[in-house]
Amino acid sequence: MRILVSGSHGLVGKALISSLTSAGHEIVRLVRGKPSGATEIEWHPNQEKIDTASLEGLDAVVHLAGENIAEGRWTGEKKRAILESRVKGTTLLSETLATLRRPPTVFLSASAIGYYGSRGDELLTETSTPGNDFLADVCQQWEKATTPAAEKGIRTVHTRFGIILAEHGGALAKMLTPFRMGIGGRVGDGKQWMSWIALDDVVGAIQFMLRDAAVNGPVNFVAPVPVTNAEFTKTLGQVLSRPTFLPVPAFGVRLAFGEMADALLLASQRVEPEILKARGFAFSFARLEPTLKHILHREYT
């Protein structure tokens, strides 16, 4: 397949391209700078510019680009960047794909379980209603921006990512230093649910969705066994052989991170990968302890 990937330098993009290339697929990157050759296509979402002609003849598009939500305090400017980087880029790409004479057959566009908002112990599936906070609104607008491609008849899938676990990027990488120093601990009361997924399974599930012609719409990219923050903290400490007795109080997290604290660190999302399970996707990493031991290169017994 000839596959276009945006966000190719991000955590998921780099791992996905490596895997797709090894499988023999032809990869084309969507880039903001001057293309270095035929394997790159230029675009500038904020200026609504894209090299339309070069998009002809693609078999699939995997759209992963977007402002990092976990870096920097959520000022008004940061929130605009988070929203616009997703909605403007997705709208431009979706509308452009819809105009092609030879459009791709499938368009996988990133989204997140932030769509559901913070829902306590409620079990959430792809048919659950959206939340009403900032991230939920972002995700709704983000997914709606793919409408032109879907109306064109391009099979469109919204990959609602949970917390992606990898050693060299994402949430886990940020946790490792304090936990290895023995100063890690639960956040708040630790009762909030964390719906996680190993990076290897993200890559595998994306390729699974590229092949499964029966799936449209949202798909939860989470492992089948979510854990509470307290369980996650305890397990990570055990894997690292470090104590985890220093909890971070909710007021301290809010003081340090503002609105982002409630949206990311204190939010509770107990999400079920209903569609992936129903379609027969085989998770390589379904439970947290063996997953962390694999990621951190520790033998699991």
C-alpha atoms as a PDB file:
ATOM      1  CA  MET A   1       0.000   0.000   0.000  1.00  0.00           C
ATOM      2  CA  ARG A   2       1.012   3.609  -0.557  1.00  0.00           C
ATOM      3  CA  ILE A   3       0.268   5.266   2.790  1.00  0.00           C
ATOM      4  CA  LEU A   4       0.411   8.941   3.737  1.00  0.00           C
ATOM      5  CA  VAL A   5       1.308   9.689   7.373  1.00  0.00           C
ATOM      6  CA  SER A   6       1.065  13.056   9.119  1.00  0.00           C
ATOM      7  CA  GLY A   7       2.688  13.620  12.495  1.00  0.00           C
ATOM      8  CA  SER A   8       5.434  11.278  11.333  1.00  0.00           C
ATOM      9  CA  HIS A   9       7.970  12.524  13.880  1.00  0.00           C
ATOM     10  CA  GLY A  10       5.748  11.943  16.893  1.00  0.00           C
ATOM     11  CA  LEU A  11       5.765   8.954  19.237  1.00  0.00           C
ATOM     12  CA  VAL A  12       3.167   6.983  17.281  1.00  0.00           C
ATOM     13  CA  GLY A  13       4.227   8.211  13.852  1.00  0.00           C
ATOM     14  CA  LYS A  14       7.845   7.064  14.161  1.00  0.00           C
ATOM     15  CA  ALA A  15       6.899   3.624  15.455  1.00  0.00           C
ATOM     16  CA  LEU A  16       4.166   3.196  12.848  1.00  0.00           C
ATOM     17  CA  ILE A  17       6.362   4.152   9.914  1.00  0.00           C
ATOM     18  CA  SER A  18       9.087   1.776  11.042  1.00  0.00           C
ATOM     19  CA  SER A  19       6.583  -1.084  11.227  1.00  0.00           C
ATOM     20  CA  LEU A  20       4.839  -0.254   7.935  1.00  0.00           C
ATOM     21  CA  THR A  21       8.158   0.057   6.123  1.00  0.00           C
ATOM     22  CA  SER A  22       9.301  -3.306   7.454  1.00  0.00           C
ATOM     23  CA  ALA A  23       6.043  -4.810   6.161  1.00  0.00           C
ATOM     24  CA  GLY A  24       6.833  -3.576   2.655  1.00  0.00           C
ATOM     25  CA  HIS A  25       4.488  -0.587   2.414  1.00  0.00           C
ATOM     26  CA  GLU A  26       5.433   2.647   0.637  1.00  0.00           C
ATOM     27  CA  ILE A  27       5.348   5.548   3.099  1.00  0.00           C
ATOM     28  CA  VAL A  28       4.818   9.195   2.203  1.00  0.00           C
ATOM     29  CA  ARG A  29       5.186  11.835   4.920  1.00  0.00           C
ATOM     30  CA  LEU A  30       3.122  15.013   5.179  1.00  0.00           C
ATOM     31  CA  VAL A  31       5.602  17.734   6.214  1.00  0.00           C
ATOM     32  CA  ARG A  32       5.553  21.459   6.928  1.00  0.00           C
ATOM     33  CA  GLY A  33       9.030  22.140   5.549  1.00  0.00           C
ATOM     34  CA  LYS A  34      10.304  21.870   2.007  1.00  0.00           C
ATOM     35  CA  PRO A  35      10.018  18.234   0.828  1.00  0.00           C
ATOM     36  CA  SER A  36      13.319  16.401   0.603  1.00  0.00           C
ATOM     37  CA  GLY A  37      12.102  14.091  -2.157  1.00  0.00           C
ATOM     38  CA  ALA A  38       9.206  12.100  -3.568  1.00  0.00           C
ATOM     39  CA  THR A  39       8.474  10.513  -0.184  1.00  0.00           C
ATOM     40  CA  GLU A  40       7.379  13.849   1.324  1.00  0.00           C
ATOM     41  CA  ILE A  41       4.414  16.119   0.587  1.00  0.00           C
ATOM     42  CA  GLU A  42       4.295  19.731   1.772  1.00  0.00           C
ATOM     43  CA  TRP A  43       1.418  21.291   3.653  1.00  0.00           C
ATOM     44  CA  HIS A  44       0.768  24.347   5.805  1.00  0.00           C
ATOM     45  CA  PRO A  45      -2.525  23.876   7.688  1.00  0.00           C
ATOM     46  CA  ASN A  46      -2.618  27.362   9.202  1.00  0.00           C
ATOM     47  CA  GLN A  47      -2.381  28.836   5.704  1.00  0.00           C
ATOM     48  CA  GLU A  48      -4.791  26.240   4.267  1.00  0.00           C
ATOM     49  CA  LYS A  49      -2.146  25.136   1.770  1.00  0.00           C
ATOM     50  CA  ILE A  50      -1.426  21.590   0.658  1.00  0.00           C
ATOM     51  CA  ASP A  51       0.121  19.951  -2.428  1.00  0.00           C
ATOM     52  CA  THR A  52      -3.136  18.467  -3.715  1.00  0.00           C
ATOM     53  CA  ALA A  53      -1.756  16.867  -6.868  1.00  0.00           C
ATOM     54  CA  SER A  54       0.727  14.774  -4.897  1.00  0.00           C
ATOM     55  CA  LEU A  55      -2.111  13.216  -2.900  1.00  0.00           C
ATOM     56  CA  GLU A  56      -3.541  11.449  -5.946  1.00  0.00           C
ATOM     57  CA  GLY A  57      -3.217   7.681  -5.940  1.00  0.00           C
ATOM     58  CA  LEU A  58      -2.781   7.084  -2.211  1.00  0.00           C
ATOM     59  CA  ASP A  59      -4.200   3.867  -0.813  1.00  0.00           C
ATOM     60  CA  ALA A  60      -4.535   5.079   2.774  1.00  0.00           C
ATOM     61  CA  VAL A  61      -3.993   8.102   5.009  1.00  0.00           C
ATOM     62  CA  VAL A  62      -3.064   7.996   8.709  1.00  0.00           C
ATOM     63  CA  HIS A  63      -3.451  11.463  10.210  1.00  0.00           C
ATOM     64  CA  LEU A  64      -1.657  11.879  13.560  1.00  0.00           C
ATOM     65  CA  ALA A  65      -0.624  15.547  13.611  1.00  0.00           C
ATOM     66  CA  GLY A  66      -1.601  17.837  16.487  1.00  0.00           C
ATOM     67  CA  GLU A  67      -0.227  20.122  19.203  1.00  0.00           C
ATOM     68  CA  ASN A  68       1.063  18.253  22.276  1.00  0.00           C
ATOM     69  CA  ILE A  69      -1.563  18.643  25.012  1.00  0.00           C
ATOM     70  CA  ALA A  70       0.731  17.641  27.893  1.00  0.00           C
ATOM     71  CA  GLU A  71       3.455  20.254  27.466  1.00  0.00           C
ATOM     72  CA  GLY A  72       3.076  23.685  29.007  1.00  0.00           C
ATOM     73  CA  ARG A  73       0.299  25.236  31.065  1.00  0.00           C
ATOM     74  CA  TRP A  74      -3.060  25.631  29.325  1.00  0.00           C
ATOM     75  CA  THR A  75      -3.137  29.349  28.685  1.00  0.00           C
ATOM     76  CA  GLY A  76      -5.711  30.740  26.296  1.00  0.00           C
ATOM     77  CA  GLU A  77      -3.091  30.708  23.559  1.00  0.00           C
ATOM     78  CA  LYS A  78      -2.131  27.088  24.285  1.00  0.00           C
ATOM     79  CA  LYS A  79      -5.770  25.969  24.168  1.00  0.00           C
ATOM     80  CA  ARG A  80      -6.258  27.699  20.822  1.00  0.00           C
ATOM     81  CA  ALA A  81      -3.166  25.928  19.490  1.00  0.00           C
ATOM     82  CA  ILE A  82      -4.454  22.549  20.740  1.00  0.00           C
ATOM     83  CA  LEU A  83      -7.822  23.054  19.051  1.00  0.00           C
ATOM     84  CA  GLU A  84      -6.700  24.708  15.837  1.00  0.00           C
ATOM     85  CA  SER A  85      -3.818  22.306  15.179  1.00  0.00           C
ATOM     86  CA  ARG A  86      -6.341  19.471  15.137  1.00  0.00           C
ATOM     87  CA  VAL A  87      -9.380  21.030  13.525  1.00  0.00           C
ATOM     88  CA  LYS A  88      -7.665  23.147  10.877  1.00  0.00           C
ATOM     89  CA  GLY A  89      -5.282  20.400   9.801  1.00  0.00           C
ATOM     90  CA  THR A  90      -7.958  17.712   9.729  1.00  0.00           C
ATOM     91  CA  THR A  91     -10.410  19.938   7.859  1.00  0.00           C
ATOM     92  CA  LEU A  92      -7.834  20.837   5.218  1.00  0.00           C
ATOM     93  CA  LEU A  93      -6.766  17.242   4.724  1.00  0.00           C
ATOM     94  CA  SER A  94     -10.309  15.867   4.718  1.00  0.00           C
ATOM     95  CA  GLU A  95     -11.637  18.460   2.280  1.00  0.00           C
ATOM     96  CA  THR A  96      -8.647  17.937  -0.017  1.00  0.00           C
ATOM     97  CA  LEU A  97      -9.002  14.149  -0.042  1.00  0.00           C
ATOM     98  CA  ALA A  98     -12.663  14.604  -0.984  1.00  0.00           C
ATOM     99  CA  THR A  99     -11.691  16.513  -4.138  1.00  0.00           C
ATOM    100  CA  LEU A 100      -9.276  13.907  -5.512  1.00  0.00           C
ATOM    101  CA  ARG A 101      -9.967  11.954  -8.685  1.00  0.00           C
ATOM    102  CA  ARG A 102      -8.344   8.906  -7.058  1.00  0.00           C
ATOM    103  CA  PRO A 103      -8.941   9.264  -3.312  1.00  0.00           C
ATOM    104  CA  PRO A 104      -7.627   6.764  -0.781  1.00  0.00           C
ATOM    105  CA  THR A 105      -9.919   3.965   0.327  1.00  0.00           C
ATOM    106  CA  VAL A 106      -9.339   4.585   4.045  1.00  0.00           C
ATOM    107  CA  PHE A 107      -8.654   7.619   6.228  1.00  0.00           C
ATOM    108  CA  LEU A 108      -7.545   6.975   9.835  1.00  0.00           C
ATOM    109  CA  SER A 109      -7.696  10.215  11.797  1.00  0.00           C
ATOM    110  CA  ALA A 110      -6.446  10.505  15.358  1.00  0.00           C
ATOM    111  CA  SER A 111      -8.725  11.357  18.252  1.00  0.00           C
ATOM    112  CA  ALA A 112      -8.596  10.572  21.977  1.00  0.00           C
ATOM    113  CA  ILE A 113     -10.597   9.147  24.849  1.00  0.00           C
ATOM    114  CA  GLY A 114     -10.766  12.721  26.091  1.00  0.00           C
ATOM    115  CA  TYR A 115     -13.927  12.652  23.960  1.00  0.00           C
ATOM    116  CA  TYR A 116     -15.767  11.125  26.930  1.00  0.00           C
ATOM    117  CA  GLY A 117     -14.726  13.627  29.584  1.00  0.00           C
ATOM    118  CA  SER A 118     -14.204  12.515  33.192  1.00  0.00           C
ATOM    119  CA  ARG A 119     -16.847   9.898  34.018  1.00  0.00           C
ATOM    120  CA  GLY A 120     -15.885   8.244  37.312  1.00  0.00           C
ATOM    121  CA  ASP A 121     -16.472   4.474  37.312  1.00  0.00           C
ATOM    122  CA  GLU A 122     -18.784   4.464  34.266  1.00  0.00           C
ATOM    123  CA  LEU A 123     -17.730   1.913  31.637  1.00  0.00           C
ATOM    124  CA  LEU A 124     -17.333   3.748  28.337  1.00  0.00           C
ATOM    125  CA  THR A 125     -17.609   2.310  24.815  1.00  0.00           C
ATOM    126  CA  GLU A 126     -17.578   3.818  21.352  1.00  0.00           C
ATOM    127  CA  THR A 127     -21.328   4.495  21.641  1.00  0.00           C
ATOM    128  CA  SER A 128     -21.051   6.457  24.904  1.00  0.00           C
ATOM    129  CA  THR A 129     -22.028  10.121  24.863  1.00  0.00           C
ATOM    130  CA  PRO A 130     -19.352  12.830  24.777  1.00  0.00           C
ATOM    131  CA  GLY A 131     -18.222  14.805  27.795  1.00  0.00           C
ATOM    132  CA  ASN A 132     -18.607  18.537  28.235  1.00  0.00           C
ATOM    133  CA  ASP A 133     -15.126  19.808  29.078  1.00  0.00           C
ATOM    134  CA  PHE A 134     -12.457  21.401  26.886  1.00  0.00           C
ATOM    135  CA  LEU A 135     -10.855  18.182  25.642  1.00  0.00           C
ATOM    136  CA  ALA A 136     -14.231  16.600  24.939  1.00  0.00           C
ATOM    137  CA  ASP A 137     -15.132  19.612  22.802  1.00  0.00           C
ATOM    138  CA  VAL A 138     -11.782  19.434  20.999  1.00  0.00           C
ATOM    139  CA  CYS A 139     -12.304  15.757  20.198  1.00  0.00           C
ATOM    140  CA  GLN A 140     -15.833  16.333  18.927  1.00  0.00           C
ATOM    141  CA  GLN A 141     -14.704  19.110  16.585  1.00  0.00           C
ATOM    142  CA  TRP A 142     -11.654  17.069  15.571  1.00  0.00           C
ATOM    143  CA  GLU A 143     -13.768  14.084  14.562  1.00  0.00           C
ATOM    144  CA  LYS A 144     -16.399  16.240  12.853  1.00  0.00           C
ATOM    145  CA  ALA A 145     -13.659  17.755  10.681  1.00  0.00           C
ATOM    146  CA  THR A 146     -13.354  14.413   8.830  1.00  0.00           C
ATOM    147  CA  THR A 147     -16.923  14.691   7.492  1.00  0.00           C
ATOM    148  CA  PRO A 148     -15.969  15.742   3.920  1.00  0.00           C
ATOM    149  CA  ALA A 149     -13.851  12.611   3.466  1.00  0.00           C
ATOM    150  CA  ALA A 150     -16.559  10.347   4.888  1.00  0.00           C
ATOM    151  CA  GLU A 151     -19.219  11.944   2.678  1.00  0.00           C
ATOM    152  CA  LYS A 152     -16.957  11.336  -0.327  1.00  0.00           C
ATOM    153  CA  GLY A 153     -17.168   7.615   0.483  1.00  0.00           C
ATOM    154  CA  ILE A 154     -13.706   7.263   2.003  1.00  0.00           C
ATOM    155  CA  ARG A 155     -13.845   4.806   4.910  1.00  0.00           C
ATOM    156  CA  THR A 156     -13.090   7.033   7.887  1.00  0.00           C
ATOM    157  CA  VAL A 157     -11.971   5.790  11.304  1.00  0.00           C
ATOM    158  CA  HIS A 158     -11.409   7.925  14.420  1.00  0.00           C
ATOM    159  CA  THR A 159      -8.666   6.334  16.506  1.00  0.00           C
ATOM    160  CA  ARG A 160      -9.545   7.355  20.076  1.00  0.00           C
ATOM    161  CA  PHE A 161      -6.189   6.883  21.788  1.00  0.00           C
ATOM    162  CA  GLY A 162      -5.884   6.195  25.492  1.00  0.00           C
ATOM    163  CA  ILE A 163      -2.677   6.736  27.499  1.00  0.00           C
ATOM    164  CA  ILE A 164       0.061   5.352  25.252  1.00  0.00           C
ATOM    165  CA  LEU A 165       2.829   3.572  27.154  1.00  0.00           C
ATOM    166  CA  ALA A 166       6.383   3.645  25.805  1.00  0.00           C
ATOM    167  CA  GLU A 167       9.765   4.033  27.461  1.00  0.00           C
ATOM    168  CA  HIS A 168      11.055   6.897  25.328  1.00  0.00           C
ATOM    169  CA  GLY A 169       8.011   9.123  25.020  1.00  0.00           C
ATOM    170  CA  GLY A 170       4.542   9.964  26.276  1.00  0.00           C
ATOM    171  CA  ALA A 171       3.242   9.808  29.841  1.00  0.00           C
ATOM    172  CA  LEU A 172       5.323   6.866  31.058  1.00  0.00           C
ATOM    173  CA  ALA A 173       8.616   8.442  30.059  1.00  0.00           C
ATOM    174  CA  LYS A 174       7.761  11.493  32.189  1.00  0.00           C
ATOM    175  CA  MET A 175       6.975   9.283  35.180  1.00  0.00           C
ATOM    176  CA  LEU A 176      10.138   7.226  35.128  1.00  0.00           C
ATOM    177  CA  THR A 177      12.581   9.693  36.678  1.00  0.00           C
ATOM    178  CA  PRO A 178      10.628  10.412  39.883  1.00  0.00           C
ATOM    179  CA  PHE A 179       9.602   6.766  40.246  1.00  0.00           C
ATOM    180  CA  ARG A 180      13.168   5.547  39.784  1.00  0.00           C
ATOM    181  CA  MET A 181      14.205   8.046  42.453  1.00  0.00           C
ATOM    182  CA  GLY A 182      11.638   6.573  44.815  1.00  0.00           C
ATOM    183  CA  ILE A 183       9.528   9.734  44.974  1.00  0.00           C
ATOM    184  CA  GLY A 184       6.633   8.576  42.797  1.00  0.00           C
ATOM    185  CA  GLY A 185       3.133   8.185  44.139  1.00  0.00           C
ATOM    186  CA  ARG A 186      -0.548   8.237  43.300  1.00  0.00           C
ATOM    187  CA  VAL A 187      -2.165  11.448  42.058  1.00  0.00           C
ATOM    188  CA  GLY A 188      -5.025  12.716  44.197  1.00  0.00           C
ATOM    189  CA  ASP A 189      -6.966   9.885  45.819  1.00  0.00           C
ATOM    190  CA  GLY A 190      -5.795   7.459  43.110  1.00  0.00           C
ATOM    191  CA  LYS A 191      -9.325   6.290  42.350  1.00  0.00           C
ATOM    192  CA  GLN A 192      -9.417   7.755  38.846  1.00  0.00           C
ATOM    193  CA  TRP A 193      -9.328   5.201  36.032  1.00  0.00           C
ATOM    194  CA  MET A 194      -6.456   5.132  33.550  1.00  0.00           C
ATOM    195  CA  SER A 195      -7.211   3.549  30.188  1.00  0.00           C
ATOM    196  CA  TRP A 196      -3.801   2.724  28.754  1.00  0.00           C
ATOM    197  CA  ILE A 197      -2.371   0.928  25.724  1.00  0.00           C
ATOM    198  CA  ALA A 198       1.136  -0.218  24.805  1.00  0.00           C
ATOM    199  CA  LEU A 199       2.719   1.536  21.834  1.00  0.00           C
ATOM    200  CA  ASP A 200       3.222  -1.834  20.121  1.00  0.00           C
ATOM    201  CA  ASP A 201      -0.529  -2.453  20.261  1.00  0.00           C
ATOM    202  CA  VAL A 202      -1.267   1.040  18.944  1.00  0.00           C
ATOM    203  CA  VAL A 203       0.863   0.282  15.899  1.00  0.00           C
ATOM    204  CA  GLY A 204      -0.699  -3.152  15.500  1.00  0.00           C
ATOM    205  CA  ALA A 205      -4.247  -1.837  15.853  1.00  0.00           C
ATOM    206  CA  ILE A 206      -3.684   0.907  13.272  1.00  0.00           C
ATOM    207  CA  GLN A 207      -2.523  -1.677  10.756  1.00  0.00           C
ATOM    208  CA  PHE A 208      -5.478  -3.885  11.700  1.00  0.00           C
ATOM    209  CA  MET A 209      -7.872  -0.995  11.012  1.00  0.00           C
ATOM    210  CA  LEU A 210      -6.204  -0.265   7.679  1.00  0.00           C
ATOM    211  CA  ARG A 211      -7.090  -3.806   6.605  1.00  0.00           C
ATOM    212  CA  ASP A 212     -10.561  -4.173   8.137  1.00  0.00           C
ATOM    213  CA  ALA A 213     -12.911  -2.729   5.531  1.00  0.00           C
ATOM    214  CA  ALA A 214     -15.980  -3.191   7.731  1.00  0.00           C
ATOM    215  CA  VAL A 215     -15.072  -0.553  10.342  1.00  0.00           C
ATOM    216  CA  ASN A 216     -16.089   3.110  10.187  1.00  0.00           C
ATOM    217  CA  GLY A 217     -16.290   5.780  12.868  1.00  0.00           C
ATOM    218  CA  PRO A 218     -14.768   5.798  16.357  1.00  0.00           C
ATOM    219  CA  VAL A 219     -12.556   3.001  17.670  1.00  0.00           C
ATOM    220  CA  ASN A 220     -11.197   3.001  21.227  1.00  0.00           C
ATOM    221  CA  PHE A 221      -7.463   2.334  21.232  1.00  0.00           C
ATOM    222  CA  VAL A 222      -7.073   1.091  24.818  1.00  0.00           C
ATOM    223  CA  ALA A 223      -6.048  -2.185  26.430  1.00  0.00           C
ATOM    224  CA  PRO A 224      -8.914  -4.388  27.665  1.00  0.00           C
ATOM    225  CA  VAL A 225      -7.926  -4.091  31.351  1.00  0.00           C
ATOM    226  CA  PRO A 226      -7.836  -0.474  32.592  1.00  0.00           C
ATOM    227  CA  VAL A 227      -6.492   0.277  36.068  1.00  0.00           C
ATOM    228  CA  THR A 228      -6.937   2.984  38.668  1.00  0.00           C
ATOM    229  CA  ASN A 229      -4.184   5.503  39.203  1.00  0.00           C
ATOM    230  CA  ALA A 230      -3.412   3.830  42.551  1.00  0.00           C
ATOM    231  CA  GLU A 231      -3.058   0.435  40.833  1.00  0.00           C
ATOM    232  CA  PHE A 232      -0.880   1.927  38.104  1.00  0.00           C
ATOM    233  CA  THR A 233       1.350   3.620  40.682  1.00  0.00           C
ATOM    234  CA  LYS A 234       1.740   0.463  42.755  1.00  0.00           C
ATOM    235  CA  THR A 235       2.508  -1.696  39.709  1.00  0.00           C
ATOM    236  CA  LEU A 236       5.077   0.695  38.280  1.00  0.00           C
ATOM    237  CA  GLY A 237       6.803   0.886  41.651  1.00  0.00           C
ATOM    238  CA  GLN A 238       6.915  -2.903  41.915  1.00  0.00           C
ATOM    239  CA  VAL A 239       8.332  -3.270  38.401  1.00  0.00           C
ATOM    240  CA  LEU A 240      11.028  -0.697  39.187  1.00  0.00           C
ATOM    241  CA  SER A 241      11.560  -2.096  42.714  1.00  0.00           C
ATOM    242  CA  ARG A 242      10.975   1.355  44.171  1.00  0.00           C
ATOM    243  CA  PRO A 243       8.664   2.652  46.917  1.00  0.00           C
ATOM    244  CA  THR A 244       5.570   4.671  45.945  1.00  0.00           C
ATOM    245  CA  PHE A 245       4.546   6.255  49.241  1.00  0.00           C
ATOM    246  CA  LEU A 246       4.570   9.939  48.276  1.00  0.00           C
ATOM    247  CA  PRO A 247       1.110  10.820  46.941  1.00  0.00           C
ATOM    248  CA  VAL A 248       0.597  14.094  45.104  1.00  0.00           C
ATOM    249  CA  PRO A 249      -2.478  15.852  46.524  1.00  0.00           C
ATOM    250  CA  ALA A 250      -5.120  17.020  44.068  1.00  0.00           C
ATOM    251  CA  PHE A 251      -4.787  20.657  45.163  1.00  0.00           C
ATOM    252  CA  GLY A 252      -1.038  20.512  44.479  1.00  0.00           C
ATOM    253  CA  VAL A 253      -1.586  19.143  40.985  1.00  0.00           C
ATOM    254  CA  ARG A 254      -4.151  21.845  40.257  1.00  0.00           C
ATOM    255  CA  LEU A 255      -1.820  24.523  41.612  1.00  0.00           C
ATOM    256  CA  ALA A 256       1.007  23.296  39.380  1.00  0.00           C
ATOM    257  CA  PHE A 257      -0.894  22.547  36.190  1.00  0.00           C
ATOM    258  CA  GLY A 258      -4.157  24.479  36.340  1.00  0.00           C
ATOM    259  CA  GLU A 259      -6.969  23.254  34.077  1.00  0.00           C
ATOM    260  CA  MET A 260      -4.752  20.562  32.574  1.00  0.00           C
ATOM    261  CA  ALA A 261      -4.664  18.805  35.966  1.00  0.00           C
ATOM    262  CA  ASP A 262      -8.377  18.035  35.959  1.00  0.00           C
ATOM    263  CA  ALA A 263      -8.430  17.146  32.255  1.00  0.00           C
ATOM    264  CA  LEU A 264      -5.412  14.819  32.205  1.00  0.00           C
ATOM    265  CA  LEU A 265      -4.125  13.864  35.652  1.00  0.00           C
ATOM    266  CA  LEU A 266      -7.295  13.700  37.740  1.00  0.00           C
ATOM    267  CA  ALA A 267      -9.806  12.702  35.048  1.00  0.00           C
ATOM    268  CA  SER A 268     -11.338   9.233  35.321  1.00  0.00           C
ATOM    269  CA  GLN A 269     -11.982   7.350  32.070  1.00  0.00           C
ATOM    270  CA  ARG A 270     -12.762   3.637  32.237  1.00  0.00           C
ATOM    271  CA  VAL A 271     -12.811   2.805  28.546  1.00  0.00           C
ATOM    272  CA  GLU A 272     -13.575  -0.495  26.827  1.00  0.00           C
ATOM    273  CA  PRO A 273     -12.037  -1.383  23.392  1.00  0.00           C
ATOM    274  CA  GLU A 274     -15.353  -2.842  22.285  1.00  0.00           C
ATOM    275  CA  ILE A 275     -14.810  -2.624  18.527  1.00  0.00           C
ATOM    276  CA  LEU A 276     -11.229  -3.918  18.529  1.00  0.00           C
ATOM    277  CA  LYS A 277     -12.343  -6.904  20.600  1.00  0.00           C
ATOM    278  CA  ALA A 278     -15.428  -7.533  18.449  1.00  0.00           C
ATOM    279  CA  ARG A 279     -13.360  -7.442  15.253  1.00  0.00           C
ATOM    280  CA  GLY A 280     -10.858  -9.961  16.645  1.00  0.00           C
ATOM    281  CA  PHE A 281      -7.815  -7.784  17.259  1.00  0.00           C
ATOM    282  CA  ALA A 282      -5.316  -9.753  19.364  1.00  0.00           C
ATOM    283  CA  PHE A 283      -3.701  -7.530  22.001  1.00  0.00           C
ATOM    284  CA  SER A 284      -0.076  -8.370  22.647  1.00  0.00           C
ATOM    285  CA  PHE A 285      -0.244  -6.495  25.950  1.00  0.00           C
ATOM    286  CA  ALA A 286      -3.578  -6.742  27.756  1.00  0.00           C
ATOM    287  CA  ARG A 287      -2.422  -6.418  31.379  1.00  0.00           C
ATOM    288  CA  LEU A 288      -0.333  -3.709  32.957  1.00  0.00           C
ATOM    289  CA  GLU A 289       2.406  -5.568  34.859  1.00  0.00           C
ATOM    290  CA  PRO A 290       3.741  -7.655  31.943  1.00  0.00           C
ATOM    291  CA  THR A 291       3.394  -4.621  29.707  1.00  0.00           C
ATOM    292  CA  LEU A 292       5.568  -2.464  31.950  1.00  0.00           C
ATOM    293  CA  LYS A 293       8.107  -5.256  32.353  1.00  0.00           C
ATOM    294  CA  HIS A 294       8.305  -5.614  28.572  1.00  0.00           C
ATOM    295  CA  ILE A 295       8.640  -1.883  27.983  1.00  0.00           C
ATOM    296  CA  LEU A 296      11.254  -1.514  30.697  1.00  0.00           C
ATOM    297  CA  HIS A 297      13.113  -4.673  29.593  1.00  0.00           C
ATOM    298  CA  ARG A 298      12.485  -6.629  32.770  1.00  0.00           C
ATOM    299  CA  GLU A 299      11.766 -10.327  32.567  1.00  0.00           C
ATOM    300  CA  TYR A 300       8.182 -11.221  33.393  1.00  0.00           C
ATOM    301  CA  THR A 301       7.637 -14.389  35.421  1.00  0.00           C
END
